[in-house]
Amino acid sequence: MSEKAAQFRDWRYTAMQVLQRNGGPFRVIAIIDGLFSLEDGECCATDEQFATEAGHCNVKTISREIQTLRSLGLIITKPGWVDKHGKKVRARIIWLAVPSDLSGIHQR
């Protein structure tokens, strides 16, 4: 396993505990590895892509879950531009984050 993959797994290990402690949703955390680029450390997937990857759930569900992850300090989002089929299009870029309060959270 690459160092970046190991760091991602450690982040998810922490994130799952934060979600458990706060009664948060696990759907996005469970699938983000399929949409996250270890090369550049970001995710540019749309809510529609997340919804499809999550078993074709409702796009609004994904939007709410991403907002929850942001409010818990597990991700940072920013509008940006990504290359889609040779064209630059507006997108939301997601970076992984670690909350400032990790009391009671086991770290590997």
PDB file of N, CA and C in Angstrom:
ATOM      1  N   MET A   1       0.854  -1.175   0.000  1.00  0.00           N
ATOM      2  CA  MET A   1       0.000   0.000   0.000  1.00  0.00           C
ATOM      3  C   MET A   1       0.905   1.245   0.000  1.00  0.00           C
ATOM      4  N   SER A   2       0.553   2.200  -0.831  1.00  0.00           N
ATOM      5  CA  SER A   2       1.337   3.429  -0.879  1.00  0.00           C
ATOM      6  C   SER A   2       1.138   4.242   0.396  1.00  0.00           C
ATOM      7  N   GLU A   3       2.053   5.167   0.638  1.00  0.00           N
ATOM      8  CA  GLU A   3       1.945   6.027   1.819  1.00  0.00           C
ATOM      9  C   GLU A   3       0.663   6.867   1.754  1.00  0.00           C
ATOM     10  N   LYS A   4       0.316   7.345   0.561  1.00  0.00           N
ATOM     11  CA  LYS A   4      -0.897   8.155   0.416  1.00  0.00           C
ATOM     12  C   LYS A   4      -2.146   7.330   0.695  1.00  0.00           C
ATOM     13  N   ALA A   5      -2.157   6.086   0.240  1.00  0.00           N
ATOM     14  CA  ALA A   5      -3.300   5.208   0.501  1.00  0.00           C
ATOM     15  C   ALA A   5      -3.417   4.934   2.000  1.00  0.00           C
ATOM     16  N   ALA A   6      -2.298   4.744   2.667  1.00  0.00           N
ATOM     17  CA  ALA A   6      -2.309   4.513   4.114  1.00  0.00           C
ATOM     18  C   ALA A   6      -2.824   5.748   4.850  1.00  0.00           C
ATOM     19  N   GLN A   7      -2.413   6.934   4.409  1.00  0.00           N
ATOM     20  CA  GLN A   7      -2.898   8.177   5.021  1.00  0.00           C
ATOM     21  C   GLN A   7      -4.403   8.315   4.819  1.00  0.00           C
ATOM     22  N   PHE A   8      -4.886   7.963   3.625  1.00  0.00           N
ATOM     23  CA  PHE A   8      -6.319   8.015   3.374  1.00  0.00           C
ATOM     24  C   PHE A   8      -7.064   7.076   4.313  1.00  0.00           C
ATOM     25  N   ARG A   9      -6.564   5.856   4.475  1.00  0.00           N
ATOM     26  CA  ARG A   9      -7.217   4.893   5.370  1.00  0.00           C
ATOM     27  C   ARG A   9      -7.224   5.380   6.810  1.00  0.00           C
ATOM     28  N   ASP A  10      -6.140   6.023   7.230  1.00  0.00           N
ATOM     29  CA  ASP A  10      -6.090   6.581   8.582  1.00  0.00           C
ATOM     30  C   ASP A  10      -7.108   7.717   8.737  1.00  0.00           C
ATOM     31  N   TRP A  11      -7.247   8.554   7.699  1.00  0.00           N
ATOM     32  CA  TRP A  11      -8.256   9.622   7.745  1.00  0.00           C
ATOM     33  C   TRP A  11      -9.652   9.013   7.877  1.00  0.00           C
ATOM     34  N   ARG A  12      -9.948   7.996   7.061  1.00  0.00           N
ATOM     35  CA  ARG A  12     -11.272   7.369   7.114  1.00  0.00           C
ATOM     36  C   ARG A  12     -11.521   6.728   8.472  1.00  0.00           C
ATOM     37  N   TYR A  13     -10.500   6.111   9.066  1.00  0.00           N
ATOM     38  CA  TYR A  13     -10.603   5.515  10.402  1.00  0.00           C
ATOM     39  C   TYR A  13     -11.014   6.579  11.422  1.00  0.00           C
ATOM     40  N   THR A  14     -10.373   7.743  11.348  1.00  0.00           N
ATOM     41  CA  THR A  14     -10.703   8.862  12.230  1.00  0.00           C
ATOM     42  C   THR A  14     -12.099   9.399  11.915  1.00  0.00           C
ATOM     43  N   ALA A  15     -12.382   9.605  10.630  1.00  0.00           N
ATOM     44  CA  ALA A  15     -13.667  10.166  10.204  1.00  0.00           C
ATOM     45  C   ALA A  15     -14.842   9.297  10.650  1.00  0.00           C
ATOM     46  N   MET A  16     -14.685   7.988  10.569  1.00  0.00           N
ATOM     47  CA  MET A  16     -15.765   7.088  10.991  1.00  0.00           C
ATOM     48  C   MET A  16     -16.060   7.251  12.475  1.00  0.00           C
ATOM     49  N   GLN A  17     -15.034   7.447  13.282  1.00  0.00           N
ATOM     50  CA  GLN A  17     -15.240   7.653  14.712  1.00  0.00           C
ATOM     51  C   GLN A  17     -15.928   8.988  14.989  1.00  0.00           C
ATOM     52  N   VAL A  18     -15.511  10.036  14.259  1.00  0.00           N
ATOM     53  CA  VAL A  18     -16.138  11.350  14.423  1.00  0.00           C
ATOM     54  C   VAL A  18     -17.619  11.262  14.041  1.00  0.00           C
ATOM     55  N   LEU A  19     -17.916  10.581  12.955  1.00  0.00           N
ATOM     56  CA  LEU A  19     -19.313  10.425  12.536  1.00  0.00           C
ATOM     57  C   LEU A  19     -20.105   9.611  13.553  1.00  0.00           C
ATOM     58  N   GLN A  20     -19.516   8.546  14.070  1.00  0.00           N
ATOM     59  CA  GLN A  20     -20.185   7.722  15.074  1.00  0.00           C
ATOM     60  C   GLN A  20     -20.507   8.553  16.312  1.00  0.00           C
ATOM     61  N   ARG A  21     -19.543   9.339  16.770  1.00  0.00           N
ATOM     62  CA  ARG A  21     -19.726  10.172  17.961  1.00  0.00           C
ATOM     63  C   ARG A  21     -20.828  11.210  17.767  1.00  0.00           C
ATOM     64  N   ASN A  22     -20.972  11.716  16.546  1.00  0.00           N
ATOM     65  CA  ASN A  22     -21.933  12.786  16.263  1.00  0.00           C
ATOM     66  C   ASN A  22     -23.208  12.307  15.573  1.00  0.00           C
ATOM     67  N   GLY A  23     -23.370  11.017  15.439  1.00  0.00           N
ATOM     68  CA  GLY A  23     -24.569  10.490  14.787  1.00  0.00           C
ATOM     69  C   GLY A  23     -24.664  10.878  13.322  1.00  0.00           C
ATOM     70  N   GLY A  24     -23.507  11.025  12.689  1.00  0.00           N
ATOM     71  CA  GLY A  24     -23.475  11.455  11.286  1.00  0.00           C
ATOM     72  C   GLY A  24     -23.677  10.317  10.310  1.00  0.00           C
ATOM     73  N   PRO A  25     -23.874  10.655   9.035  1.00  0.00           N
ATOM     74  CA  PRO A  25     -24.098   9.653   7.988  1.00  0.00           C
ATOM     75  C   PRO A  25     -22.781   9.040   7.498  1.00  0.00           C
ATOM     76  N   PHE A  26     -22.833   7.796   7.082  1.00  0.00           N
ATOM     77  CA  PHE A  26     -21.640   7.077   6.649  1.00  0.00           C
ATOM     78  C   PHE A  26     -21.578   6.834   5.144  1.00  0.00           C
ATOM     79  N   ARG A  27     -22.611   7.175   4.404  1.00  0.00           N
ATOM     80  CA  ARG A  27     -22.684   6.841   2.981  1.00  0.00           C
ATOM     81  C   ARG A  27     -21.506   7.426   2.190  1.00  0.00           C
ATOM     82  N   VAL A  28     -21.263   8.732   2.309  1.00  0.00           N
ATOM     83  CA  VAL A  28     -20.198   9.368   1.533  1.00  0.00           C
ATOM     84  C   VAL A  28     -18.827   8.831   1.947  1.00  0.00           C
ATOM     85  N   ILE A  29     -18.617   8.645   3.245  1.00  0.00           N
ATOM     86  CA  ILE A  29     -17.341   8.115   3.735  1.00  0.00           C
ATOM     87  C   ILE A  29     -17.086   6.721   3.146  1.00  0.00           C
ATOM     88  N   ALA A  30     -18.136   5.939   3.009  1.00  0.00           N
ATOM     89  CA  ALA A  30     -17.992   4.574   2.513  1.00  0.00           C
ATOM     90  C   ALA A  30     -17.571   4.522   1.044  1.00  0.00           C
ATOM     91  N   ILE A  31     -17.902   5.549   0.275  1.00  0.00           N
ATOM     92  CA  ILE A  31     -17.635   5.491  -1.167  1.00  0.00           C
ATOM     93  C   ILE A  31     -16.610   6.492  -1.665  1.00  0.00           C
ATOM     94  N   ILE A  32     -16.171   7.406  -0.821  1.00  0.00           N
ATOM     95  CA  ILE A  32     -15.315   8.487  -1.302  1.00  0.00           C
ATOM     96  C   ILE A  32     -14.008   7.984  -1.896  1.00  0.00           C
ATOM     97  N   ASP A  33     -13.512   6.838  -1.437  1.00  0.00           N
ATOM     98  CA  ASP A  33     -12.249   6.339  -1.986  1.00  0.00           C
ATOM     99  C   ASP A  33     -12.343   6.054  -3.478  1.00  0.00           C
ATOM    100  N   GLY A  34     -13.538   5.720  -3.973  1.00  0.00           N
ATOM    101  CA  GLY A  34     -13.725   5.478  -5.405  1.00  0.00           C
ATOM    102  C   GLY A  34     -13.771   6.753  -6.232  1.00  0.00           C
ATOM    103  N   LEU A  35     -13.929   7.895  -5.580  1.00  0.00           N
ATOM    104  CA  LEU A  35     -14.039   9.172  -6.278  1.00  0.00           C
ATOM    105  C   LEU A  35     -12.896  10.124  -5.945  1.00  0.00           C
ATOM    106  N   PHE A  36     -12.053   9.735  -5.019  1.00  0.00           N
ATOM    107  CA  PHE A  36     -10.966  10.584  -4.516  1.00  0.00           C
ATOM    108  C   PHE A  36      -9.677  10.248  -5.261  1.00  0.00           C
ATOM    109  N   SER A  37      -8.917  11.261  -5.646  1.00  0.00           N
ATOM    110  CA  SER A  37      -7.644  11.058  -6.326  1.00  0.00           C
ATOM    111  C   SER A  37      -6.500  11.110  -5.316  1.00  0.00           C
ATOM    112  N   LEU A  38      -5.817   9.995  -5.157  1.00  0.00           N
ATOM    113  CA  LEU A  38      -4.655   9.979  -4.272  1.00  0.00           C
ATOM    114  C   LEU A  38      -3.497  10.770  -4.885  1.00  0.00           C
ATOM    115  N   GLU A  39      -3.493  10.898  -6.197  1.00  0.00           N
ATOM    116  CA  GLU A  39      -2.419  11.624  -6.875  1.00  0.00           C
ATOM    117  C   GLU A  39      -2.381  13.094  -6.487  1.00  0.00           C
ATOM    118  N   ASP A  40      -3.547  13.768  -6.551  1.00  0.00           N
ATOM    119  CA  ASP A  40      -3.562  15.200  -6.249  1.00  0.00           C
ATOM    120  C   ASP A  40      -4.244  15.531  -4.924  1.00  0.00           C
ATOM    121  N   GLY A  41      -4.742  14.518  -4.221  1.00  0.00           N
ATOM    122  CA  GLY A  41      -5.309  14.725  -2.887  1.00  0.00           C
ATOM    123  C   GLY A  41      -6.631  15.455  -2.868  1.00  0.00           C
ATOM    124  N   GLU A  42      -7.414  15.316  -3.932  1.00  0.00           N
ATOM    125  CA  GLU A  42      -8.695  15.997  -3.964  1.00  0.00           C
ATOM    126  C   GLU A  42      -9.749  15.166  -4.679  1.00  0.00           C
ATOM    127  N   CYS A  43     -10.981  15.588  -4.504  1.00  0.00           N
ATOM    128  CA  CYS A  43     -12.126  14.939  -5.138  1.00  0.00           C
ATOM    129  C   CYS A  43     -12.933  16.020  -5.848  1.00  0.00           C
ATOM    130  N   CYS A  44     -13.166  15.830  -7.123  1.00  0.00           N
ATOM    131  CA  CYS A  44     -13.924  16.801  -7.920  1.00  0.00           C
ATOM    132  C   CYS A  44     -15.242  16.213  -8.398  1.00  0.00           C
ATOM    133  N   ALA A  45     -15.677  15.121  -7.800  1.00  0.00           N
ATOM    134  CA  ALA A  45     -16.911  14.467  -8.218  1.00  0.00           C
ATOM    135  C   ALA A  45     -18.132  15.328  -7.903  1.00  0.00           C
ATOM    136  N   THR A  46     -19.116  15.260  -8.764  1.00  0.00           N
ATOM    137  CA  THR A  46     -20.368  15.978  -8.549  1.00  0.00           C
ATOM    138  C   THR A  46     -21.251  15.198  -7.581  1.00  0.00           C
ATOM    139  N   ASP A  47     -22.271  15.861  -7.066  1.00  0.00           N
ATOM    140  CA  ASP A  47     -23.232  15.162  -6.212  1.00  0.00           C
ATOM    141  C   ASP A  47     -23.885  14.018  -6.982  1.00  0.00           C
ATOM    142  N   GLU A  48     -24.101  14.212  -8.270  1.00  0.00           N
ATOM    143  CA  GLU A  48     -24.703  13.160  -9.096  1.00  0.00           C
ATOM    144  C   GLU A  48     -23.778  11.945  -9.171  1.00  0.00           C
ATOM    145  N   GLN A  49     -22.479  12.188  -9.310  1.00  0.00           N
ATOM    146  CA  GLN A  49     -21.528  11.075  -9.354  1.00  0.00           C
ATOM    147  C   GLN A  49     -21.490  10.350  -8.009  1.00  0.00           C
ATOM    148  N   PHE A  50     -21.509  11.107  -6.914  1.00  0.00           N
ATOM    149  CA  PHE A  50     -21.570  10.488  -5.594  1.00  0.00           C
ATOM    150  C   PHE A  50     -22.835   9.642  -5.462  1.00  0.00           C
ATOM    151  N   ALA A  51     -23.970  10.197  -5.874  1.00  0.00           N
ATOM    152  CA  ALA A  51     -25.254   9.492  -5.753  1.00  0.00           C
ATOM    153  C   ALA A  51     -25.238   8.187  -6.541  1.00  0.00           C
ATOM    154  N   THR A  52     -24.680   8.217  -7.736  1.00  0.00           N
ATOM    155  CA  THR A  52     -24.588   7.001  -8.551  1.00  0.00           C
ATOM    156  C   THR A  52     -23.707   5.968  -7.864  1.00  0.00           C
ATOM    157  N   GLU A  53     -22.553   6.415  -7.393  1.00  0.00           N
ATOM    158  CA  GLU A  53     -21.611   5.510  -6.713  1.00  0.00           C
ATOM    159  C   GLU A  53     -22.227   4.931  -5.438  1.00  0.00           C
ATOM    160  N   ALA A  54     -23.120   5.683  -4.804  1.00  0.00           N
ATOM    161  CA  ALA A  54     -23.762   5.254  -3.556  1.00  0.00           C
ATOM    162  C   ALA A  54     -25.024   4.431  -3.816  1.00  0.00           C
ATOM    163  N   GLY A  55     -25.109   3.820  -4.972  1.00  0.00           N
ATOM    164  CA  GLY A  55     -26.252   2.958  -5.269  1.00  0.00           C
ATOM    165  C   GLY A  55     -27.455   3.711  -5.794  1.00  0.00           C
ATOM    166  N   HIS A  56     -27.201   4.818  -6.470  1.00  0.00           N
ATOM    167  CA  HIS A  56     -28.263   5.635  -7.069  1.00  0.00           C
ATOM    168  C   HIS A  56     -29.204   6.220  -6.025  1.00  0.00           C
ATOM    169  N   CYS A  57     -28.619   6.695  -4.929  1.00  0.00           N
ATOM    170  CA  CYS A  57     -29.448   7.354  -3.920  1.00  0.00           C
ATOM    171  C   CYS A  57     -29.815   8.756  -4.415  1.00  0.00           C
ATOM    172  N   ASN A  58     -30.603   9.460  -3.643  1.00  0.00           N
ATOM    173  CA  ASN A  58     -31.045  10.795  -4.012  1.00  0.00           C
ATOM    174  C   ASN A  58     -29.887  11.796  -3.927  1.00  0.00           C
ATOM    175  N   VAL A  59     -29.792  12.676  -4.908  1.00  0.00           N
ATOM    176  CA  VAL A  59     -28.733  13.683  -4.952  1.00  0.00           C
ATOM    177  C   VAL A  59     -28.808  14.609  -3.737  1.00  0.00           C
ATOM    178  N   LYS A  60     -30.023  14.926  -3.287  1.00  0.00           N
ATOM    179  CA  LYS A  60     -30.198  15.775  -2.097  1.00  0.00           C
ATOM    180  C   LYS A  60     -29.588  15.116  -0.860  1.00  0.00           C
ATOM    181  N   THR A  61     -29.683  13.804  -0.785  1.00  0.00           N
ATOM    182  CA  THR A  61     -29.081  13.068   0.332  1.00  0.00           C
ATOM    183  C   THR A  61     -27.578  13.289   0.346  1.00  0.00           C
ATOM    184  N   ILE A  62     -26.965  13.196  -0.812  1.00  0.00           N
ATOM    185  CA  ILE A  62     -25.526  13.417  -0.915  1.00  0.00           C
ATOM    186  C   ILE A  62     -25.176  14.844  -0.513  1.00  0.00           C
ATOM    187  N   SER A  63     -25.934  15.812  -0.990  1.00  0.00           N
ATOM    188  CA  SER A  63     -25.685  17.219  -0.642  1.00  0.00           C
ATOM    189  C   SER A  63     -25.720  17.424   0.870  1.00  0.00           C
ATOM    190  N   ARG A  64     -26.714  16.828   1.523  1.00  0.00           N
ATOM    191  CA  ARG A  64     -26.819  16.948   2.982  1.00  0.00           C
ATOM    192  C   ARG A  64     -25.639  16.283   3.676  1.00  0.00           C
ATOM    193  N   GLU A  65     -25.250  15.114   3.197  1.00  0.00           N
ATOM    194  CA  GLU A  65     -24.142  14.402   3.834  1.00  0.00           C
ATOM    195  C   GLU A  65     -22.825  15.154   3.654  1.00  0.00           C
ATOM    196  N   ILE A  66     -22.594  15.725   2.493  1.00  0.00           N
ATOM    197  CA  ILE A  66     -21.377  16.509   2.283  1.00  0.00           C
ATOM    198  C   ILE A  66     -21.377  17.724   3.194  1.00  0.00           C
ATOM    199  N   GLN A  67     -22.521  18.361   3.362  1.00  0.00           N
ATOM    200  CA  GLN A  67     -22.623  19.497   4.279  1.00  0.00           C
ATOM    201  C   GLN A  67     -22.315  19.060   5.716  1.00  0.00           C
ATOM    202  N   THR A  68     -22.782  17.900   6.115  1.00  0.00           N
ATOM    203  CA  THR A  68     -22.501  17.381   7.461  1.00  0.00           C
ATOM    204  C   THR A  68     -21.009  17.132   7.638  1.00  0.00           C
ATOM    205  N   LEU A  69     -20.373  16.511   6.639  1.00  0.00           N
ATOM    206  CA  LEU A  69     -18.934  16.268   6.720  1.00  0.00           C
ATOM    207  C   LEU A  69     -18.167  17.584   6.835  1.00  0.00           C
ATOM    208  N   ARG A  70     -18.622  18.588   6.107  1.00  0.00           N
ATOM    209  CA  ARG A  70     -17.981  19.906   6.170  1.00  0.00           C
ATOM    210  C   ARG A  70     -18.170  20.523   7.555  1.00  0.00           C
ATOM    211  N   SER A  71     -19.382  20.445   8.084  1.00  0.00           N
ATOM    212  CA  SER A  71     -19.656  21.057   9.393  1.00  0.00           C
ATOM    213  C   SER A  71     -18.917  20.347  10.526  1.00  0.00           C
ATOM    214  N   LEU A  72     -18.616  19.071  10.366  1.00  0.00           N
ATOM    215  CA  LEU A  72     -17.859  18.330  11.377  1.00  0.00           C
ATOM    216  C   LEU A  72     -16.348  18.494  11.216  1.00  0.00           C
ATOM    217  N   GLY A  73     -15.930  19.210  10.182  1.00  0.00           N
ATOM    218  CA  GLY A  73     -14.507  19.452   9.965  1.00  0.00           C
ATOM    219  C   GLY A  73     -13.766  18.309   9.300  1.00  0.00           C
ATOM    220  N   LEU A  74     -14.503  17.399   8.656  1.00  0.00           N
ATOM    221  CA  LEU A  74     -13.871  16.248   8.015  1.00  0.00           C
ATOM    222  C   LEU A  74     -13.463  16.516   6.573  1.00  0.00           C
ATOM    223  N   ILE A  75     -14.068  17.524   5.963  1.00  0.00           N
ATOM    224  CA  ILE A  75     -13.693  17.911   4.606  1.00  0.00           C
ATOM    225  C   ILE A  75     -13.698  19.437   4.501  1.00  0.00           C
ATOM    226  N   ILE A  76     -12.994  19.910   3.507  1.00  0.00           N
ATOM    227  CA  ILE A  76     -13.004  21.320   3.129  1.00  0.00           C
ATOM    228  C   ILE A  76     -13.448  21.352   1.676  1.00  0.00           C
ATOM    229  N   THR A  77     -14.348  22.254   1.339  1.00  0.00           N
ATOM    230  CA  THR A  77     -14.790  22.365  -0.045  1.00  0.00           C
ATOM    231  C   THR A  77     -14.531  23.774  -0.555  1.00  0.00           C
ATOM    232  N   LYS A  78     -14.329  23.859  -1.847  1.00  0.00           N
ATOM    233  CA  LYS A  78     -14.086  25.140  -2.487  1.00  0.00           C
ATOM    234  C   LYS A  78     -14.535  25.047  -3.929  1.00  0.00           C
ATOM    235  N   PRO A  79     -15.187  26.100  -4.452  1.00  0.00           N
ATOM    236  CA  PRO A  79     -15.508  26.077  -5.877  1.00  0.00           C
ATOM    237  C   PRO A  79     -14.225  26.188  -6.692  1.00  0.00           C
ATOM    238  N   GLY A  80     -14.211  25.562  -7.834  1.00  0.00           N
ATOM    239  CA  GLY A  80     -13.033  25.624  -8.687  1.00  0.00           C
ATOM    240  C   GLY A  80     -13.359  25.196 -10.099  1.00  0.00           C
ATOM    241  N   TRP A  81     -12.336  24.954 -10.854  1.00  0.00           N
ATOM    242  CA  TRP A  81     -12.474  24.537 -12.249  1.00  0.00           C
ATOM    243  C   TRP A  81     -11.799  23.187 -12.425  1.00  0.00           C
ATOM    244  N   VAL A  82     -12.454  22.292 -13.166  1.00  0.00           N
ATOM    245  CA  VAL A  82     -11.871  20.994 -13.476  1.00  0.00           C
ATOM    246  C   VAL A  82     -12.000  20.734 -14.969  1.00  0.00           C
ATOM    247  N   ASP A  83     -11.158  19.861 -15.453  1.00  0.00           N
ATOM    248  CA  ASP A  83     -11.173  19.502 -16.866  1.00  0.00           C
ATOM    249  C   ASP A  83     -12.112  18.313 -17.063  1.00  0.00           C
ATOM    250  N   LYS A  84     -13.163  18.516 -17.819  1.00  0.00           N
ATOM    251  CA  LYS A  84     -14.117  17.446 -18.143  1.00  0.00           C
ATOM    252  C   LYS A  84     -14.183  17.316 -19.654  1.00  0.00           C
ATOM    253  N   HIS A  85     -13.654  16.223 -20.159  1.00  0.00           N
ATOM    254  CA  HIS A  85     -13.681  15.940 -21.591  1.00  0.00           C
ATOM    255  C   HIS A  85     -13.069  17.085 -22.399  1.00  0.00           C
ATOM    256  N   GLY A  86     -11.940  17.614 -21.922  1.00  0.00           N
ATOM    257  CA  GLY A  86     -11.233  18.660 -22.636  1.00  0.00           C
ATOM    258  C   GLY A  86     -11.758  20.067 -22.440  1.00  0.00           C
ATOM    259  N   LYS A  87     -12.787  20.229 -21.608  1.00  0.00           N
ATOM    260  CA  LYS A  87     -13.338  21.551 -21.326  1.00  0.00           C
ATOM    261  C   LYS A  87     -13.196  21.848 -19.844  1.00  0.00           C
ATOM    262  N   LYS A  88     -12.932  23.114 -19.520  1.00  0.00           N
ATOM    263  CA  LYS A  88     -12.897  23.548 -18.123  1.00  0.00           C
ATOM    264  C   LYS A  88     -14.326  23.855 -17.689  1.00  0.00           C
ATOM    265  N   VAL A  89     -14.767  23.200 -16.608  1.00  0.00           N
ATOM    266  CA  VAL A  89     -16.114  23.428 -16.082  1.00  0.00           C
ATOM    267  C   VAL A  89     -16.025  23.726 -14.585  1.00  0.00           C
ATOM    268  N   ARG A  90     -16.996  24.504 -14.097  1.00  0.00           N
ATOM    269  CA  ARG A  90     -17.046  24.829 -12.671  1.00  0.00           C
ATOM    270  C   ARG A  90     -17.388  23.564 -11.889  1.00  0.00           C
ATOM    271  N   ALA A  91     -16.741  23.426 -10.759  1.00  0.00           N
ATOM    272  CA  ALA A  91     -16.966  22.243  -9.930  1.00  0.00           C
ATOM    273  C   ALA A  91     -16.674  22.593  -8.475  1.00  0.00           C
ATOM    274  N   ARG A  92     -17.026  21.668  -7.622  1.00  0.00           N
ATOM    275  CA  ARG A  92     -16.685  21.786  -6.201  1.00  0.00           C
ATOM    276  C   ARG A  92     -15.509  20.842  -5.970  1.00  0.00           C
ATOM    277  N   ILE A  93     -14.485  21.365  -5.349  1.00  0.00           N
ATOM    278  CA  ILE A  93     -13.315  20.553  -5.049  1.00  0.00           C
ATOM    279  C   ILE A  93     -13.353  20.229  -3.559  1.00  0.00           C
ATOM    280  N   ILE A  94     -13.136  18.968  -3.229  1.00  0.00           N
ATOM    281  CA  ILE A  94     -13.177  18.497  -1.846  1.00  0.00           C
ATOM    282  C   ILE A  94     -11.780  18.045  -1.438  1.00  0.00           C
ATOM    283  N   TRP A  95     -11.353  18.530  -0.269  1.00  0.00           N
ATOM    284  CA  TRP A  95     -10.102  18.068   0.347  1.00  0.00           C
ATOM    285  C   TRP A  95     -10.445  17.447   1.693  1.00  0.00           C
ATOM    286  N   LEU A  96      -9.698  16.447   2.073  1.00  0.00           N
ATOM    287  CA  LEU A  96      -9.892  15.817   3.374  1.00  0.00           C
ATOM    288  C   LEU A  96      -9.330  16.722   4.457  1.00  0.00           C
ATOM    289  N   ALA A  97      -9.937  16.686   5.630  1.00  0.00           N
ATOM    290  CA  ALA A  97      -9.495  17.502   6.761  1.00  0.00           C
ATOM    291  C   ALA A  97      -9.646  16.694   8.041  1.00  0.00           C
ATOM    292  N   VAL A  98      -9.008  17.185   9.079  1.00  0.00           N
ATOM    293  CA  VAL A  98      -9.111  16.561  10.395  1.00  0.00           C
ATOM    294  C   VAL A  98      -9.660  17.616  11.348  1.00  0.00           C
ATOM    295  N   PRO A  99     -10.733  17.285  12.070  1.00  0.00           N
ATOM    296  CA  PRO A  99     -11.316  18.256  13.006  1.00  0.00           C
ATOM    297  C   PRO A  99     -10.323  18.659  14.092  1.00  0.00           C
ATOM    298  N   SER A 100     -10.511  19.859  14.619  1.00  0.00           N
ATOM    299  CA  SER A 100      -9.604  20.335  15.665  1.00  0.00           C
ATOM    300  C   SER A 100      -9.814  19.587  16.979  1.00  0.00           C
ATOM    301  N   ASP A 101     -11.028  19.132  17.258  1.00  0.00           N
ATOM    302  CA  ASP A 101     -11.306  18.410  18.504  1.00  0.00           C
ATOM    303  C   ASP A 101     -11.359  16.911  18.226  1.00  0.00           C
ATOM    304  N   LEU A 102     -10.299  16.233  18.602  1.00  0.00           N
ATOM    305  CA  LEU A 102     -10.250  14.776  18.445  1.00  0.00           C
ATOM    306  C   LEU A 102     -10.251  14.073  19.795  1.00  0.00           C
ATOM    307  N   SER A 103     -10.780  14.752  20.825  1.00  0.00           N
ATOM    308  CA  SER A 103     -10.840  14.121  22.136  1.00  0.00           C
ATOM    309  C   SER A 103     -11.730  12.887  22.071  1.00  0.00           C
ATOM    310  N   GLY A 104     -11.232  11.805  22.624  1.00  0.00           N
ATOM    311  CA  GLY A 104     -11.972  10.550  22.629  1.00  0.00           C
ATOM    312  C   GLY A 104     -11.884   9.772  21.328  1.00  0.00           C
ATOM    313  N   ILE A 105     -11.128  10.266  20.366  1.00  0.00           N
ATOM    314  CA  ILE A 105     -10.972   9.598  19.079  1.00  0.00           C
ATOM    315  C   ILE A 105      -9.619   8.880  19.069  1.00  0.00           C
ATOM    316  N   HIS A 106      -9.643   7.583  18.778  1.00  0.00           N
ATOM    317  CA  HIS A 106      -8.414   6.802  18.711  1.00  0.00           C
ATOM    318  C   HIS A 106      -7.697   7.095  17.405  1.00  0.00           C
ATOM    319  N   GLN A 107      -6.396   7.344  17.490  1.00  0.00           N
ATOM    320  CA  GLN A 107      -5.572   7.597  16.306  1.00  0.00           C
ATOM    321  C   GLN A 107      -4.638   6.426  16.066  1.00  0.00           C
ATOM    322  N   ARG A 108      -4.466   6.071  14.795  1.00  0.00           N
ATOM    323  CA  ARG A 108      -3.494   5.020  14.455  1.00  0.00           C
ATOM    324  C   ARG A 108      -2.163   5.658  14.173  1.00  0.00           C
TER     325      ARG A 108
END
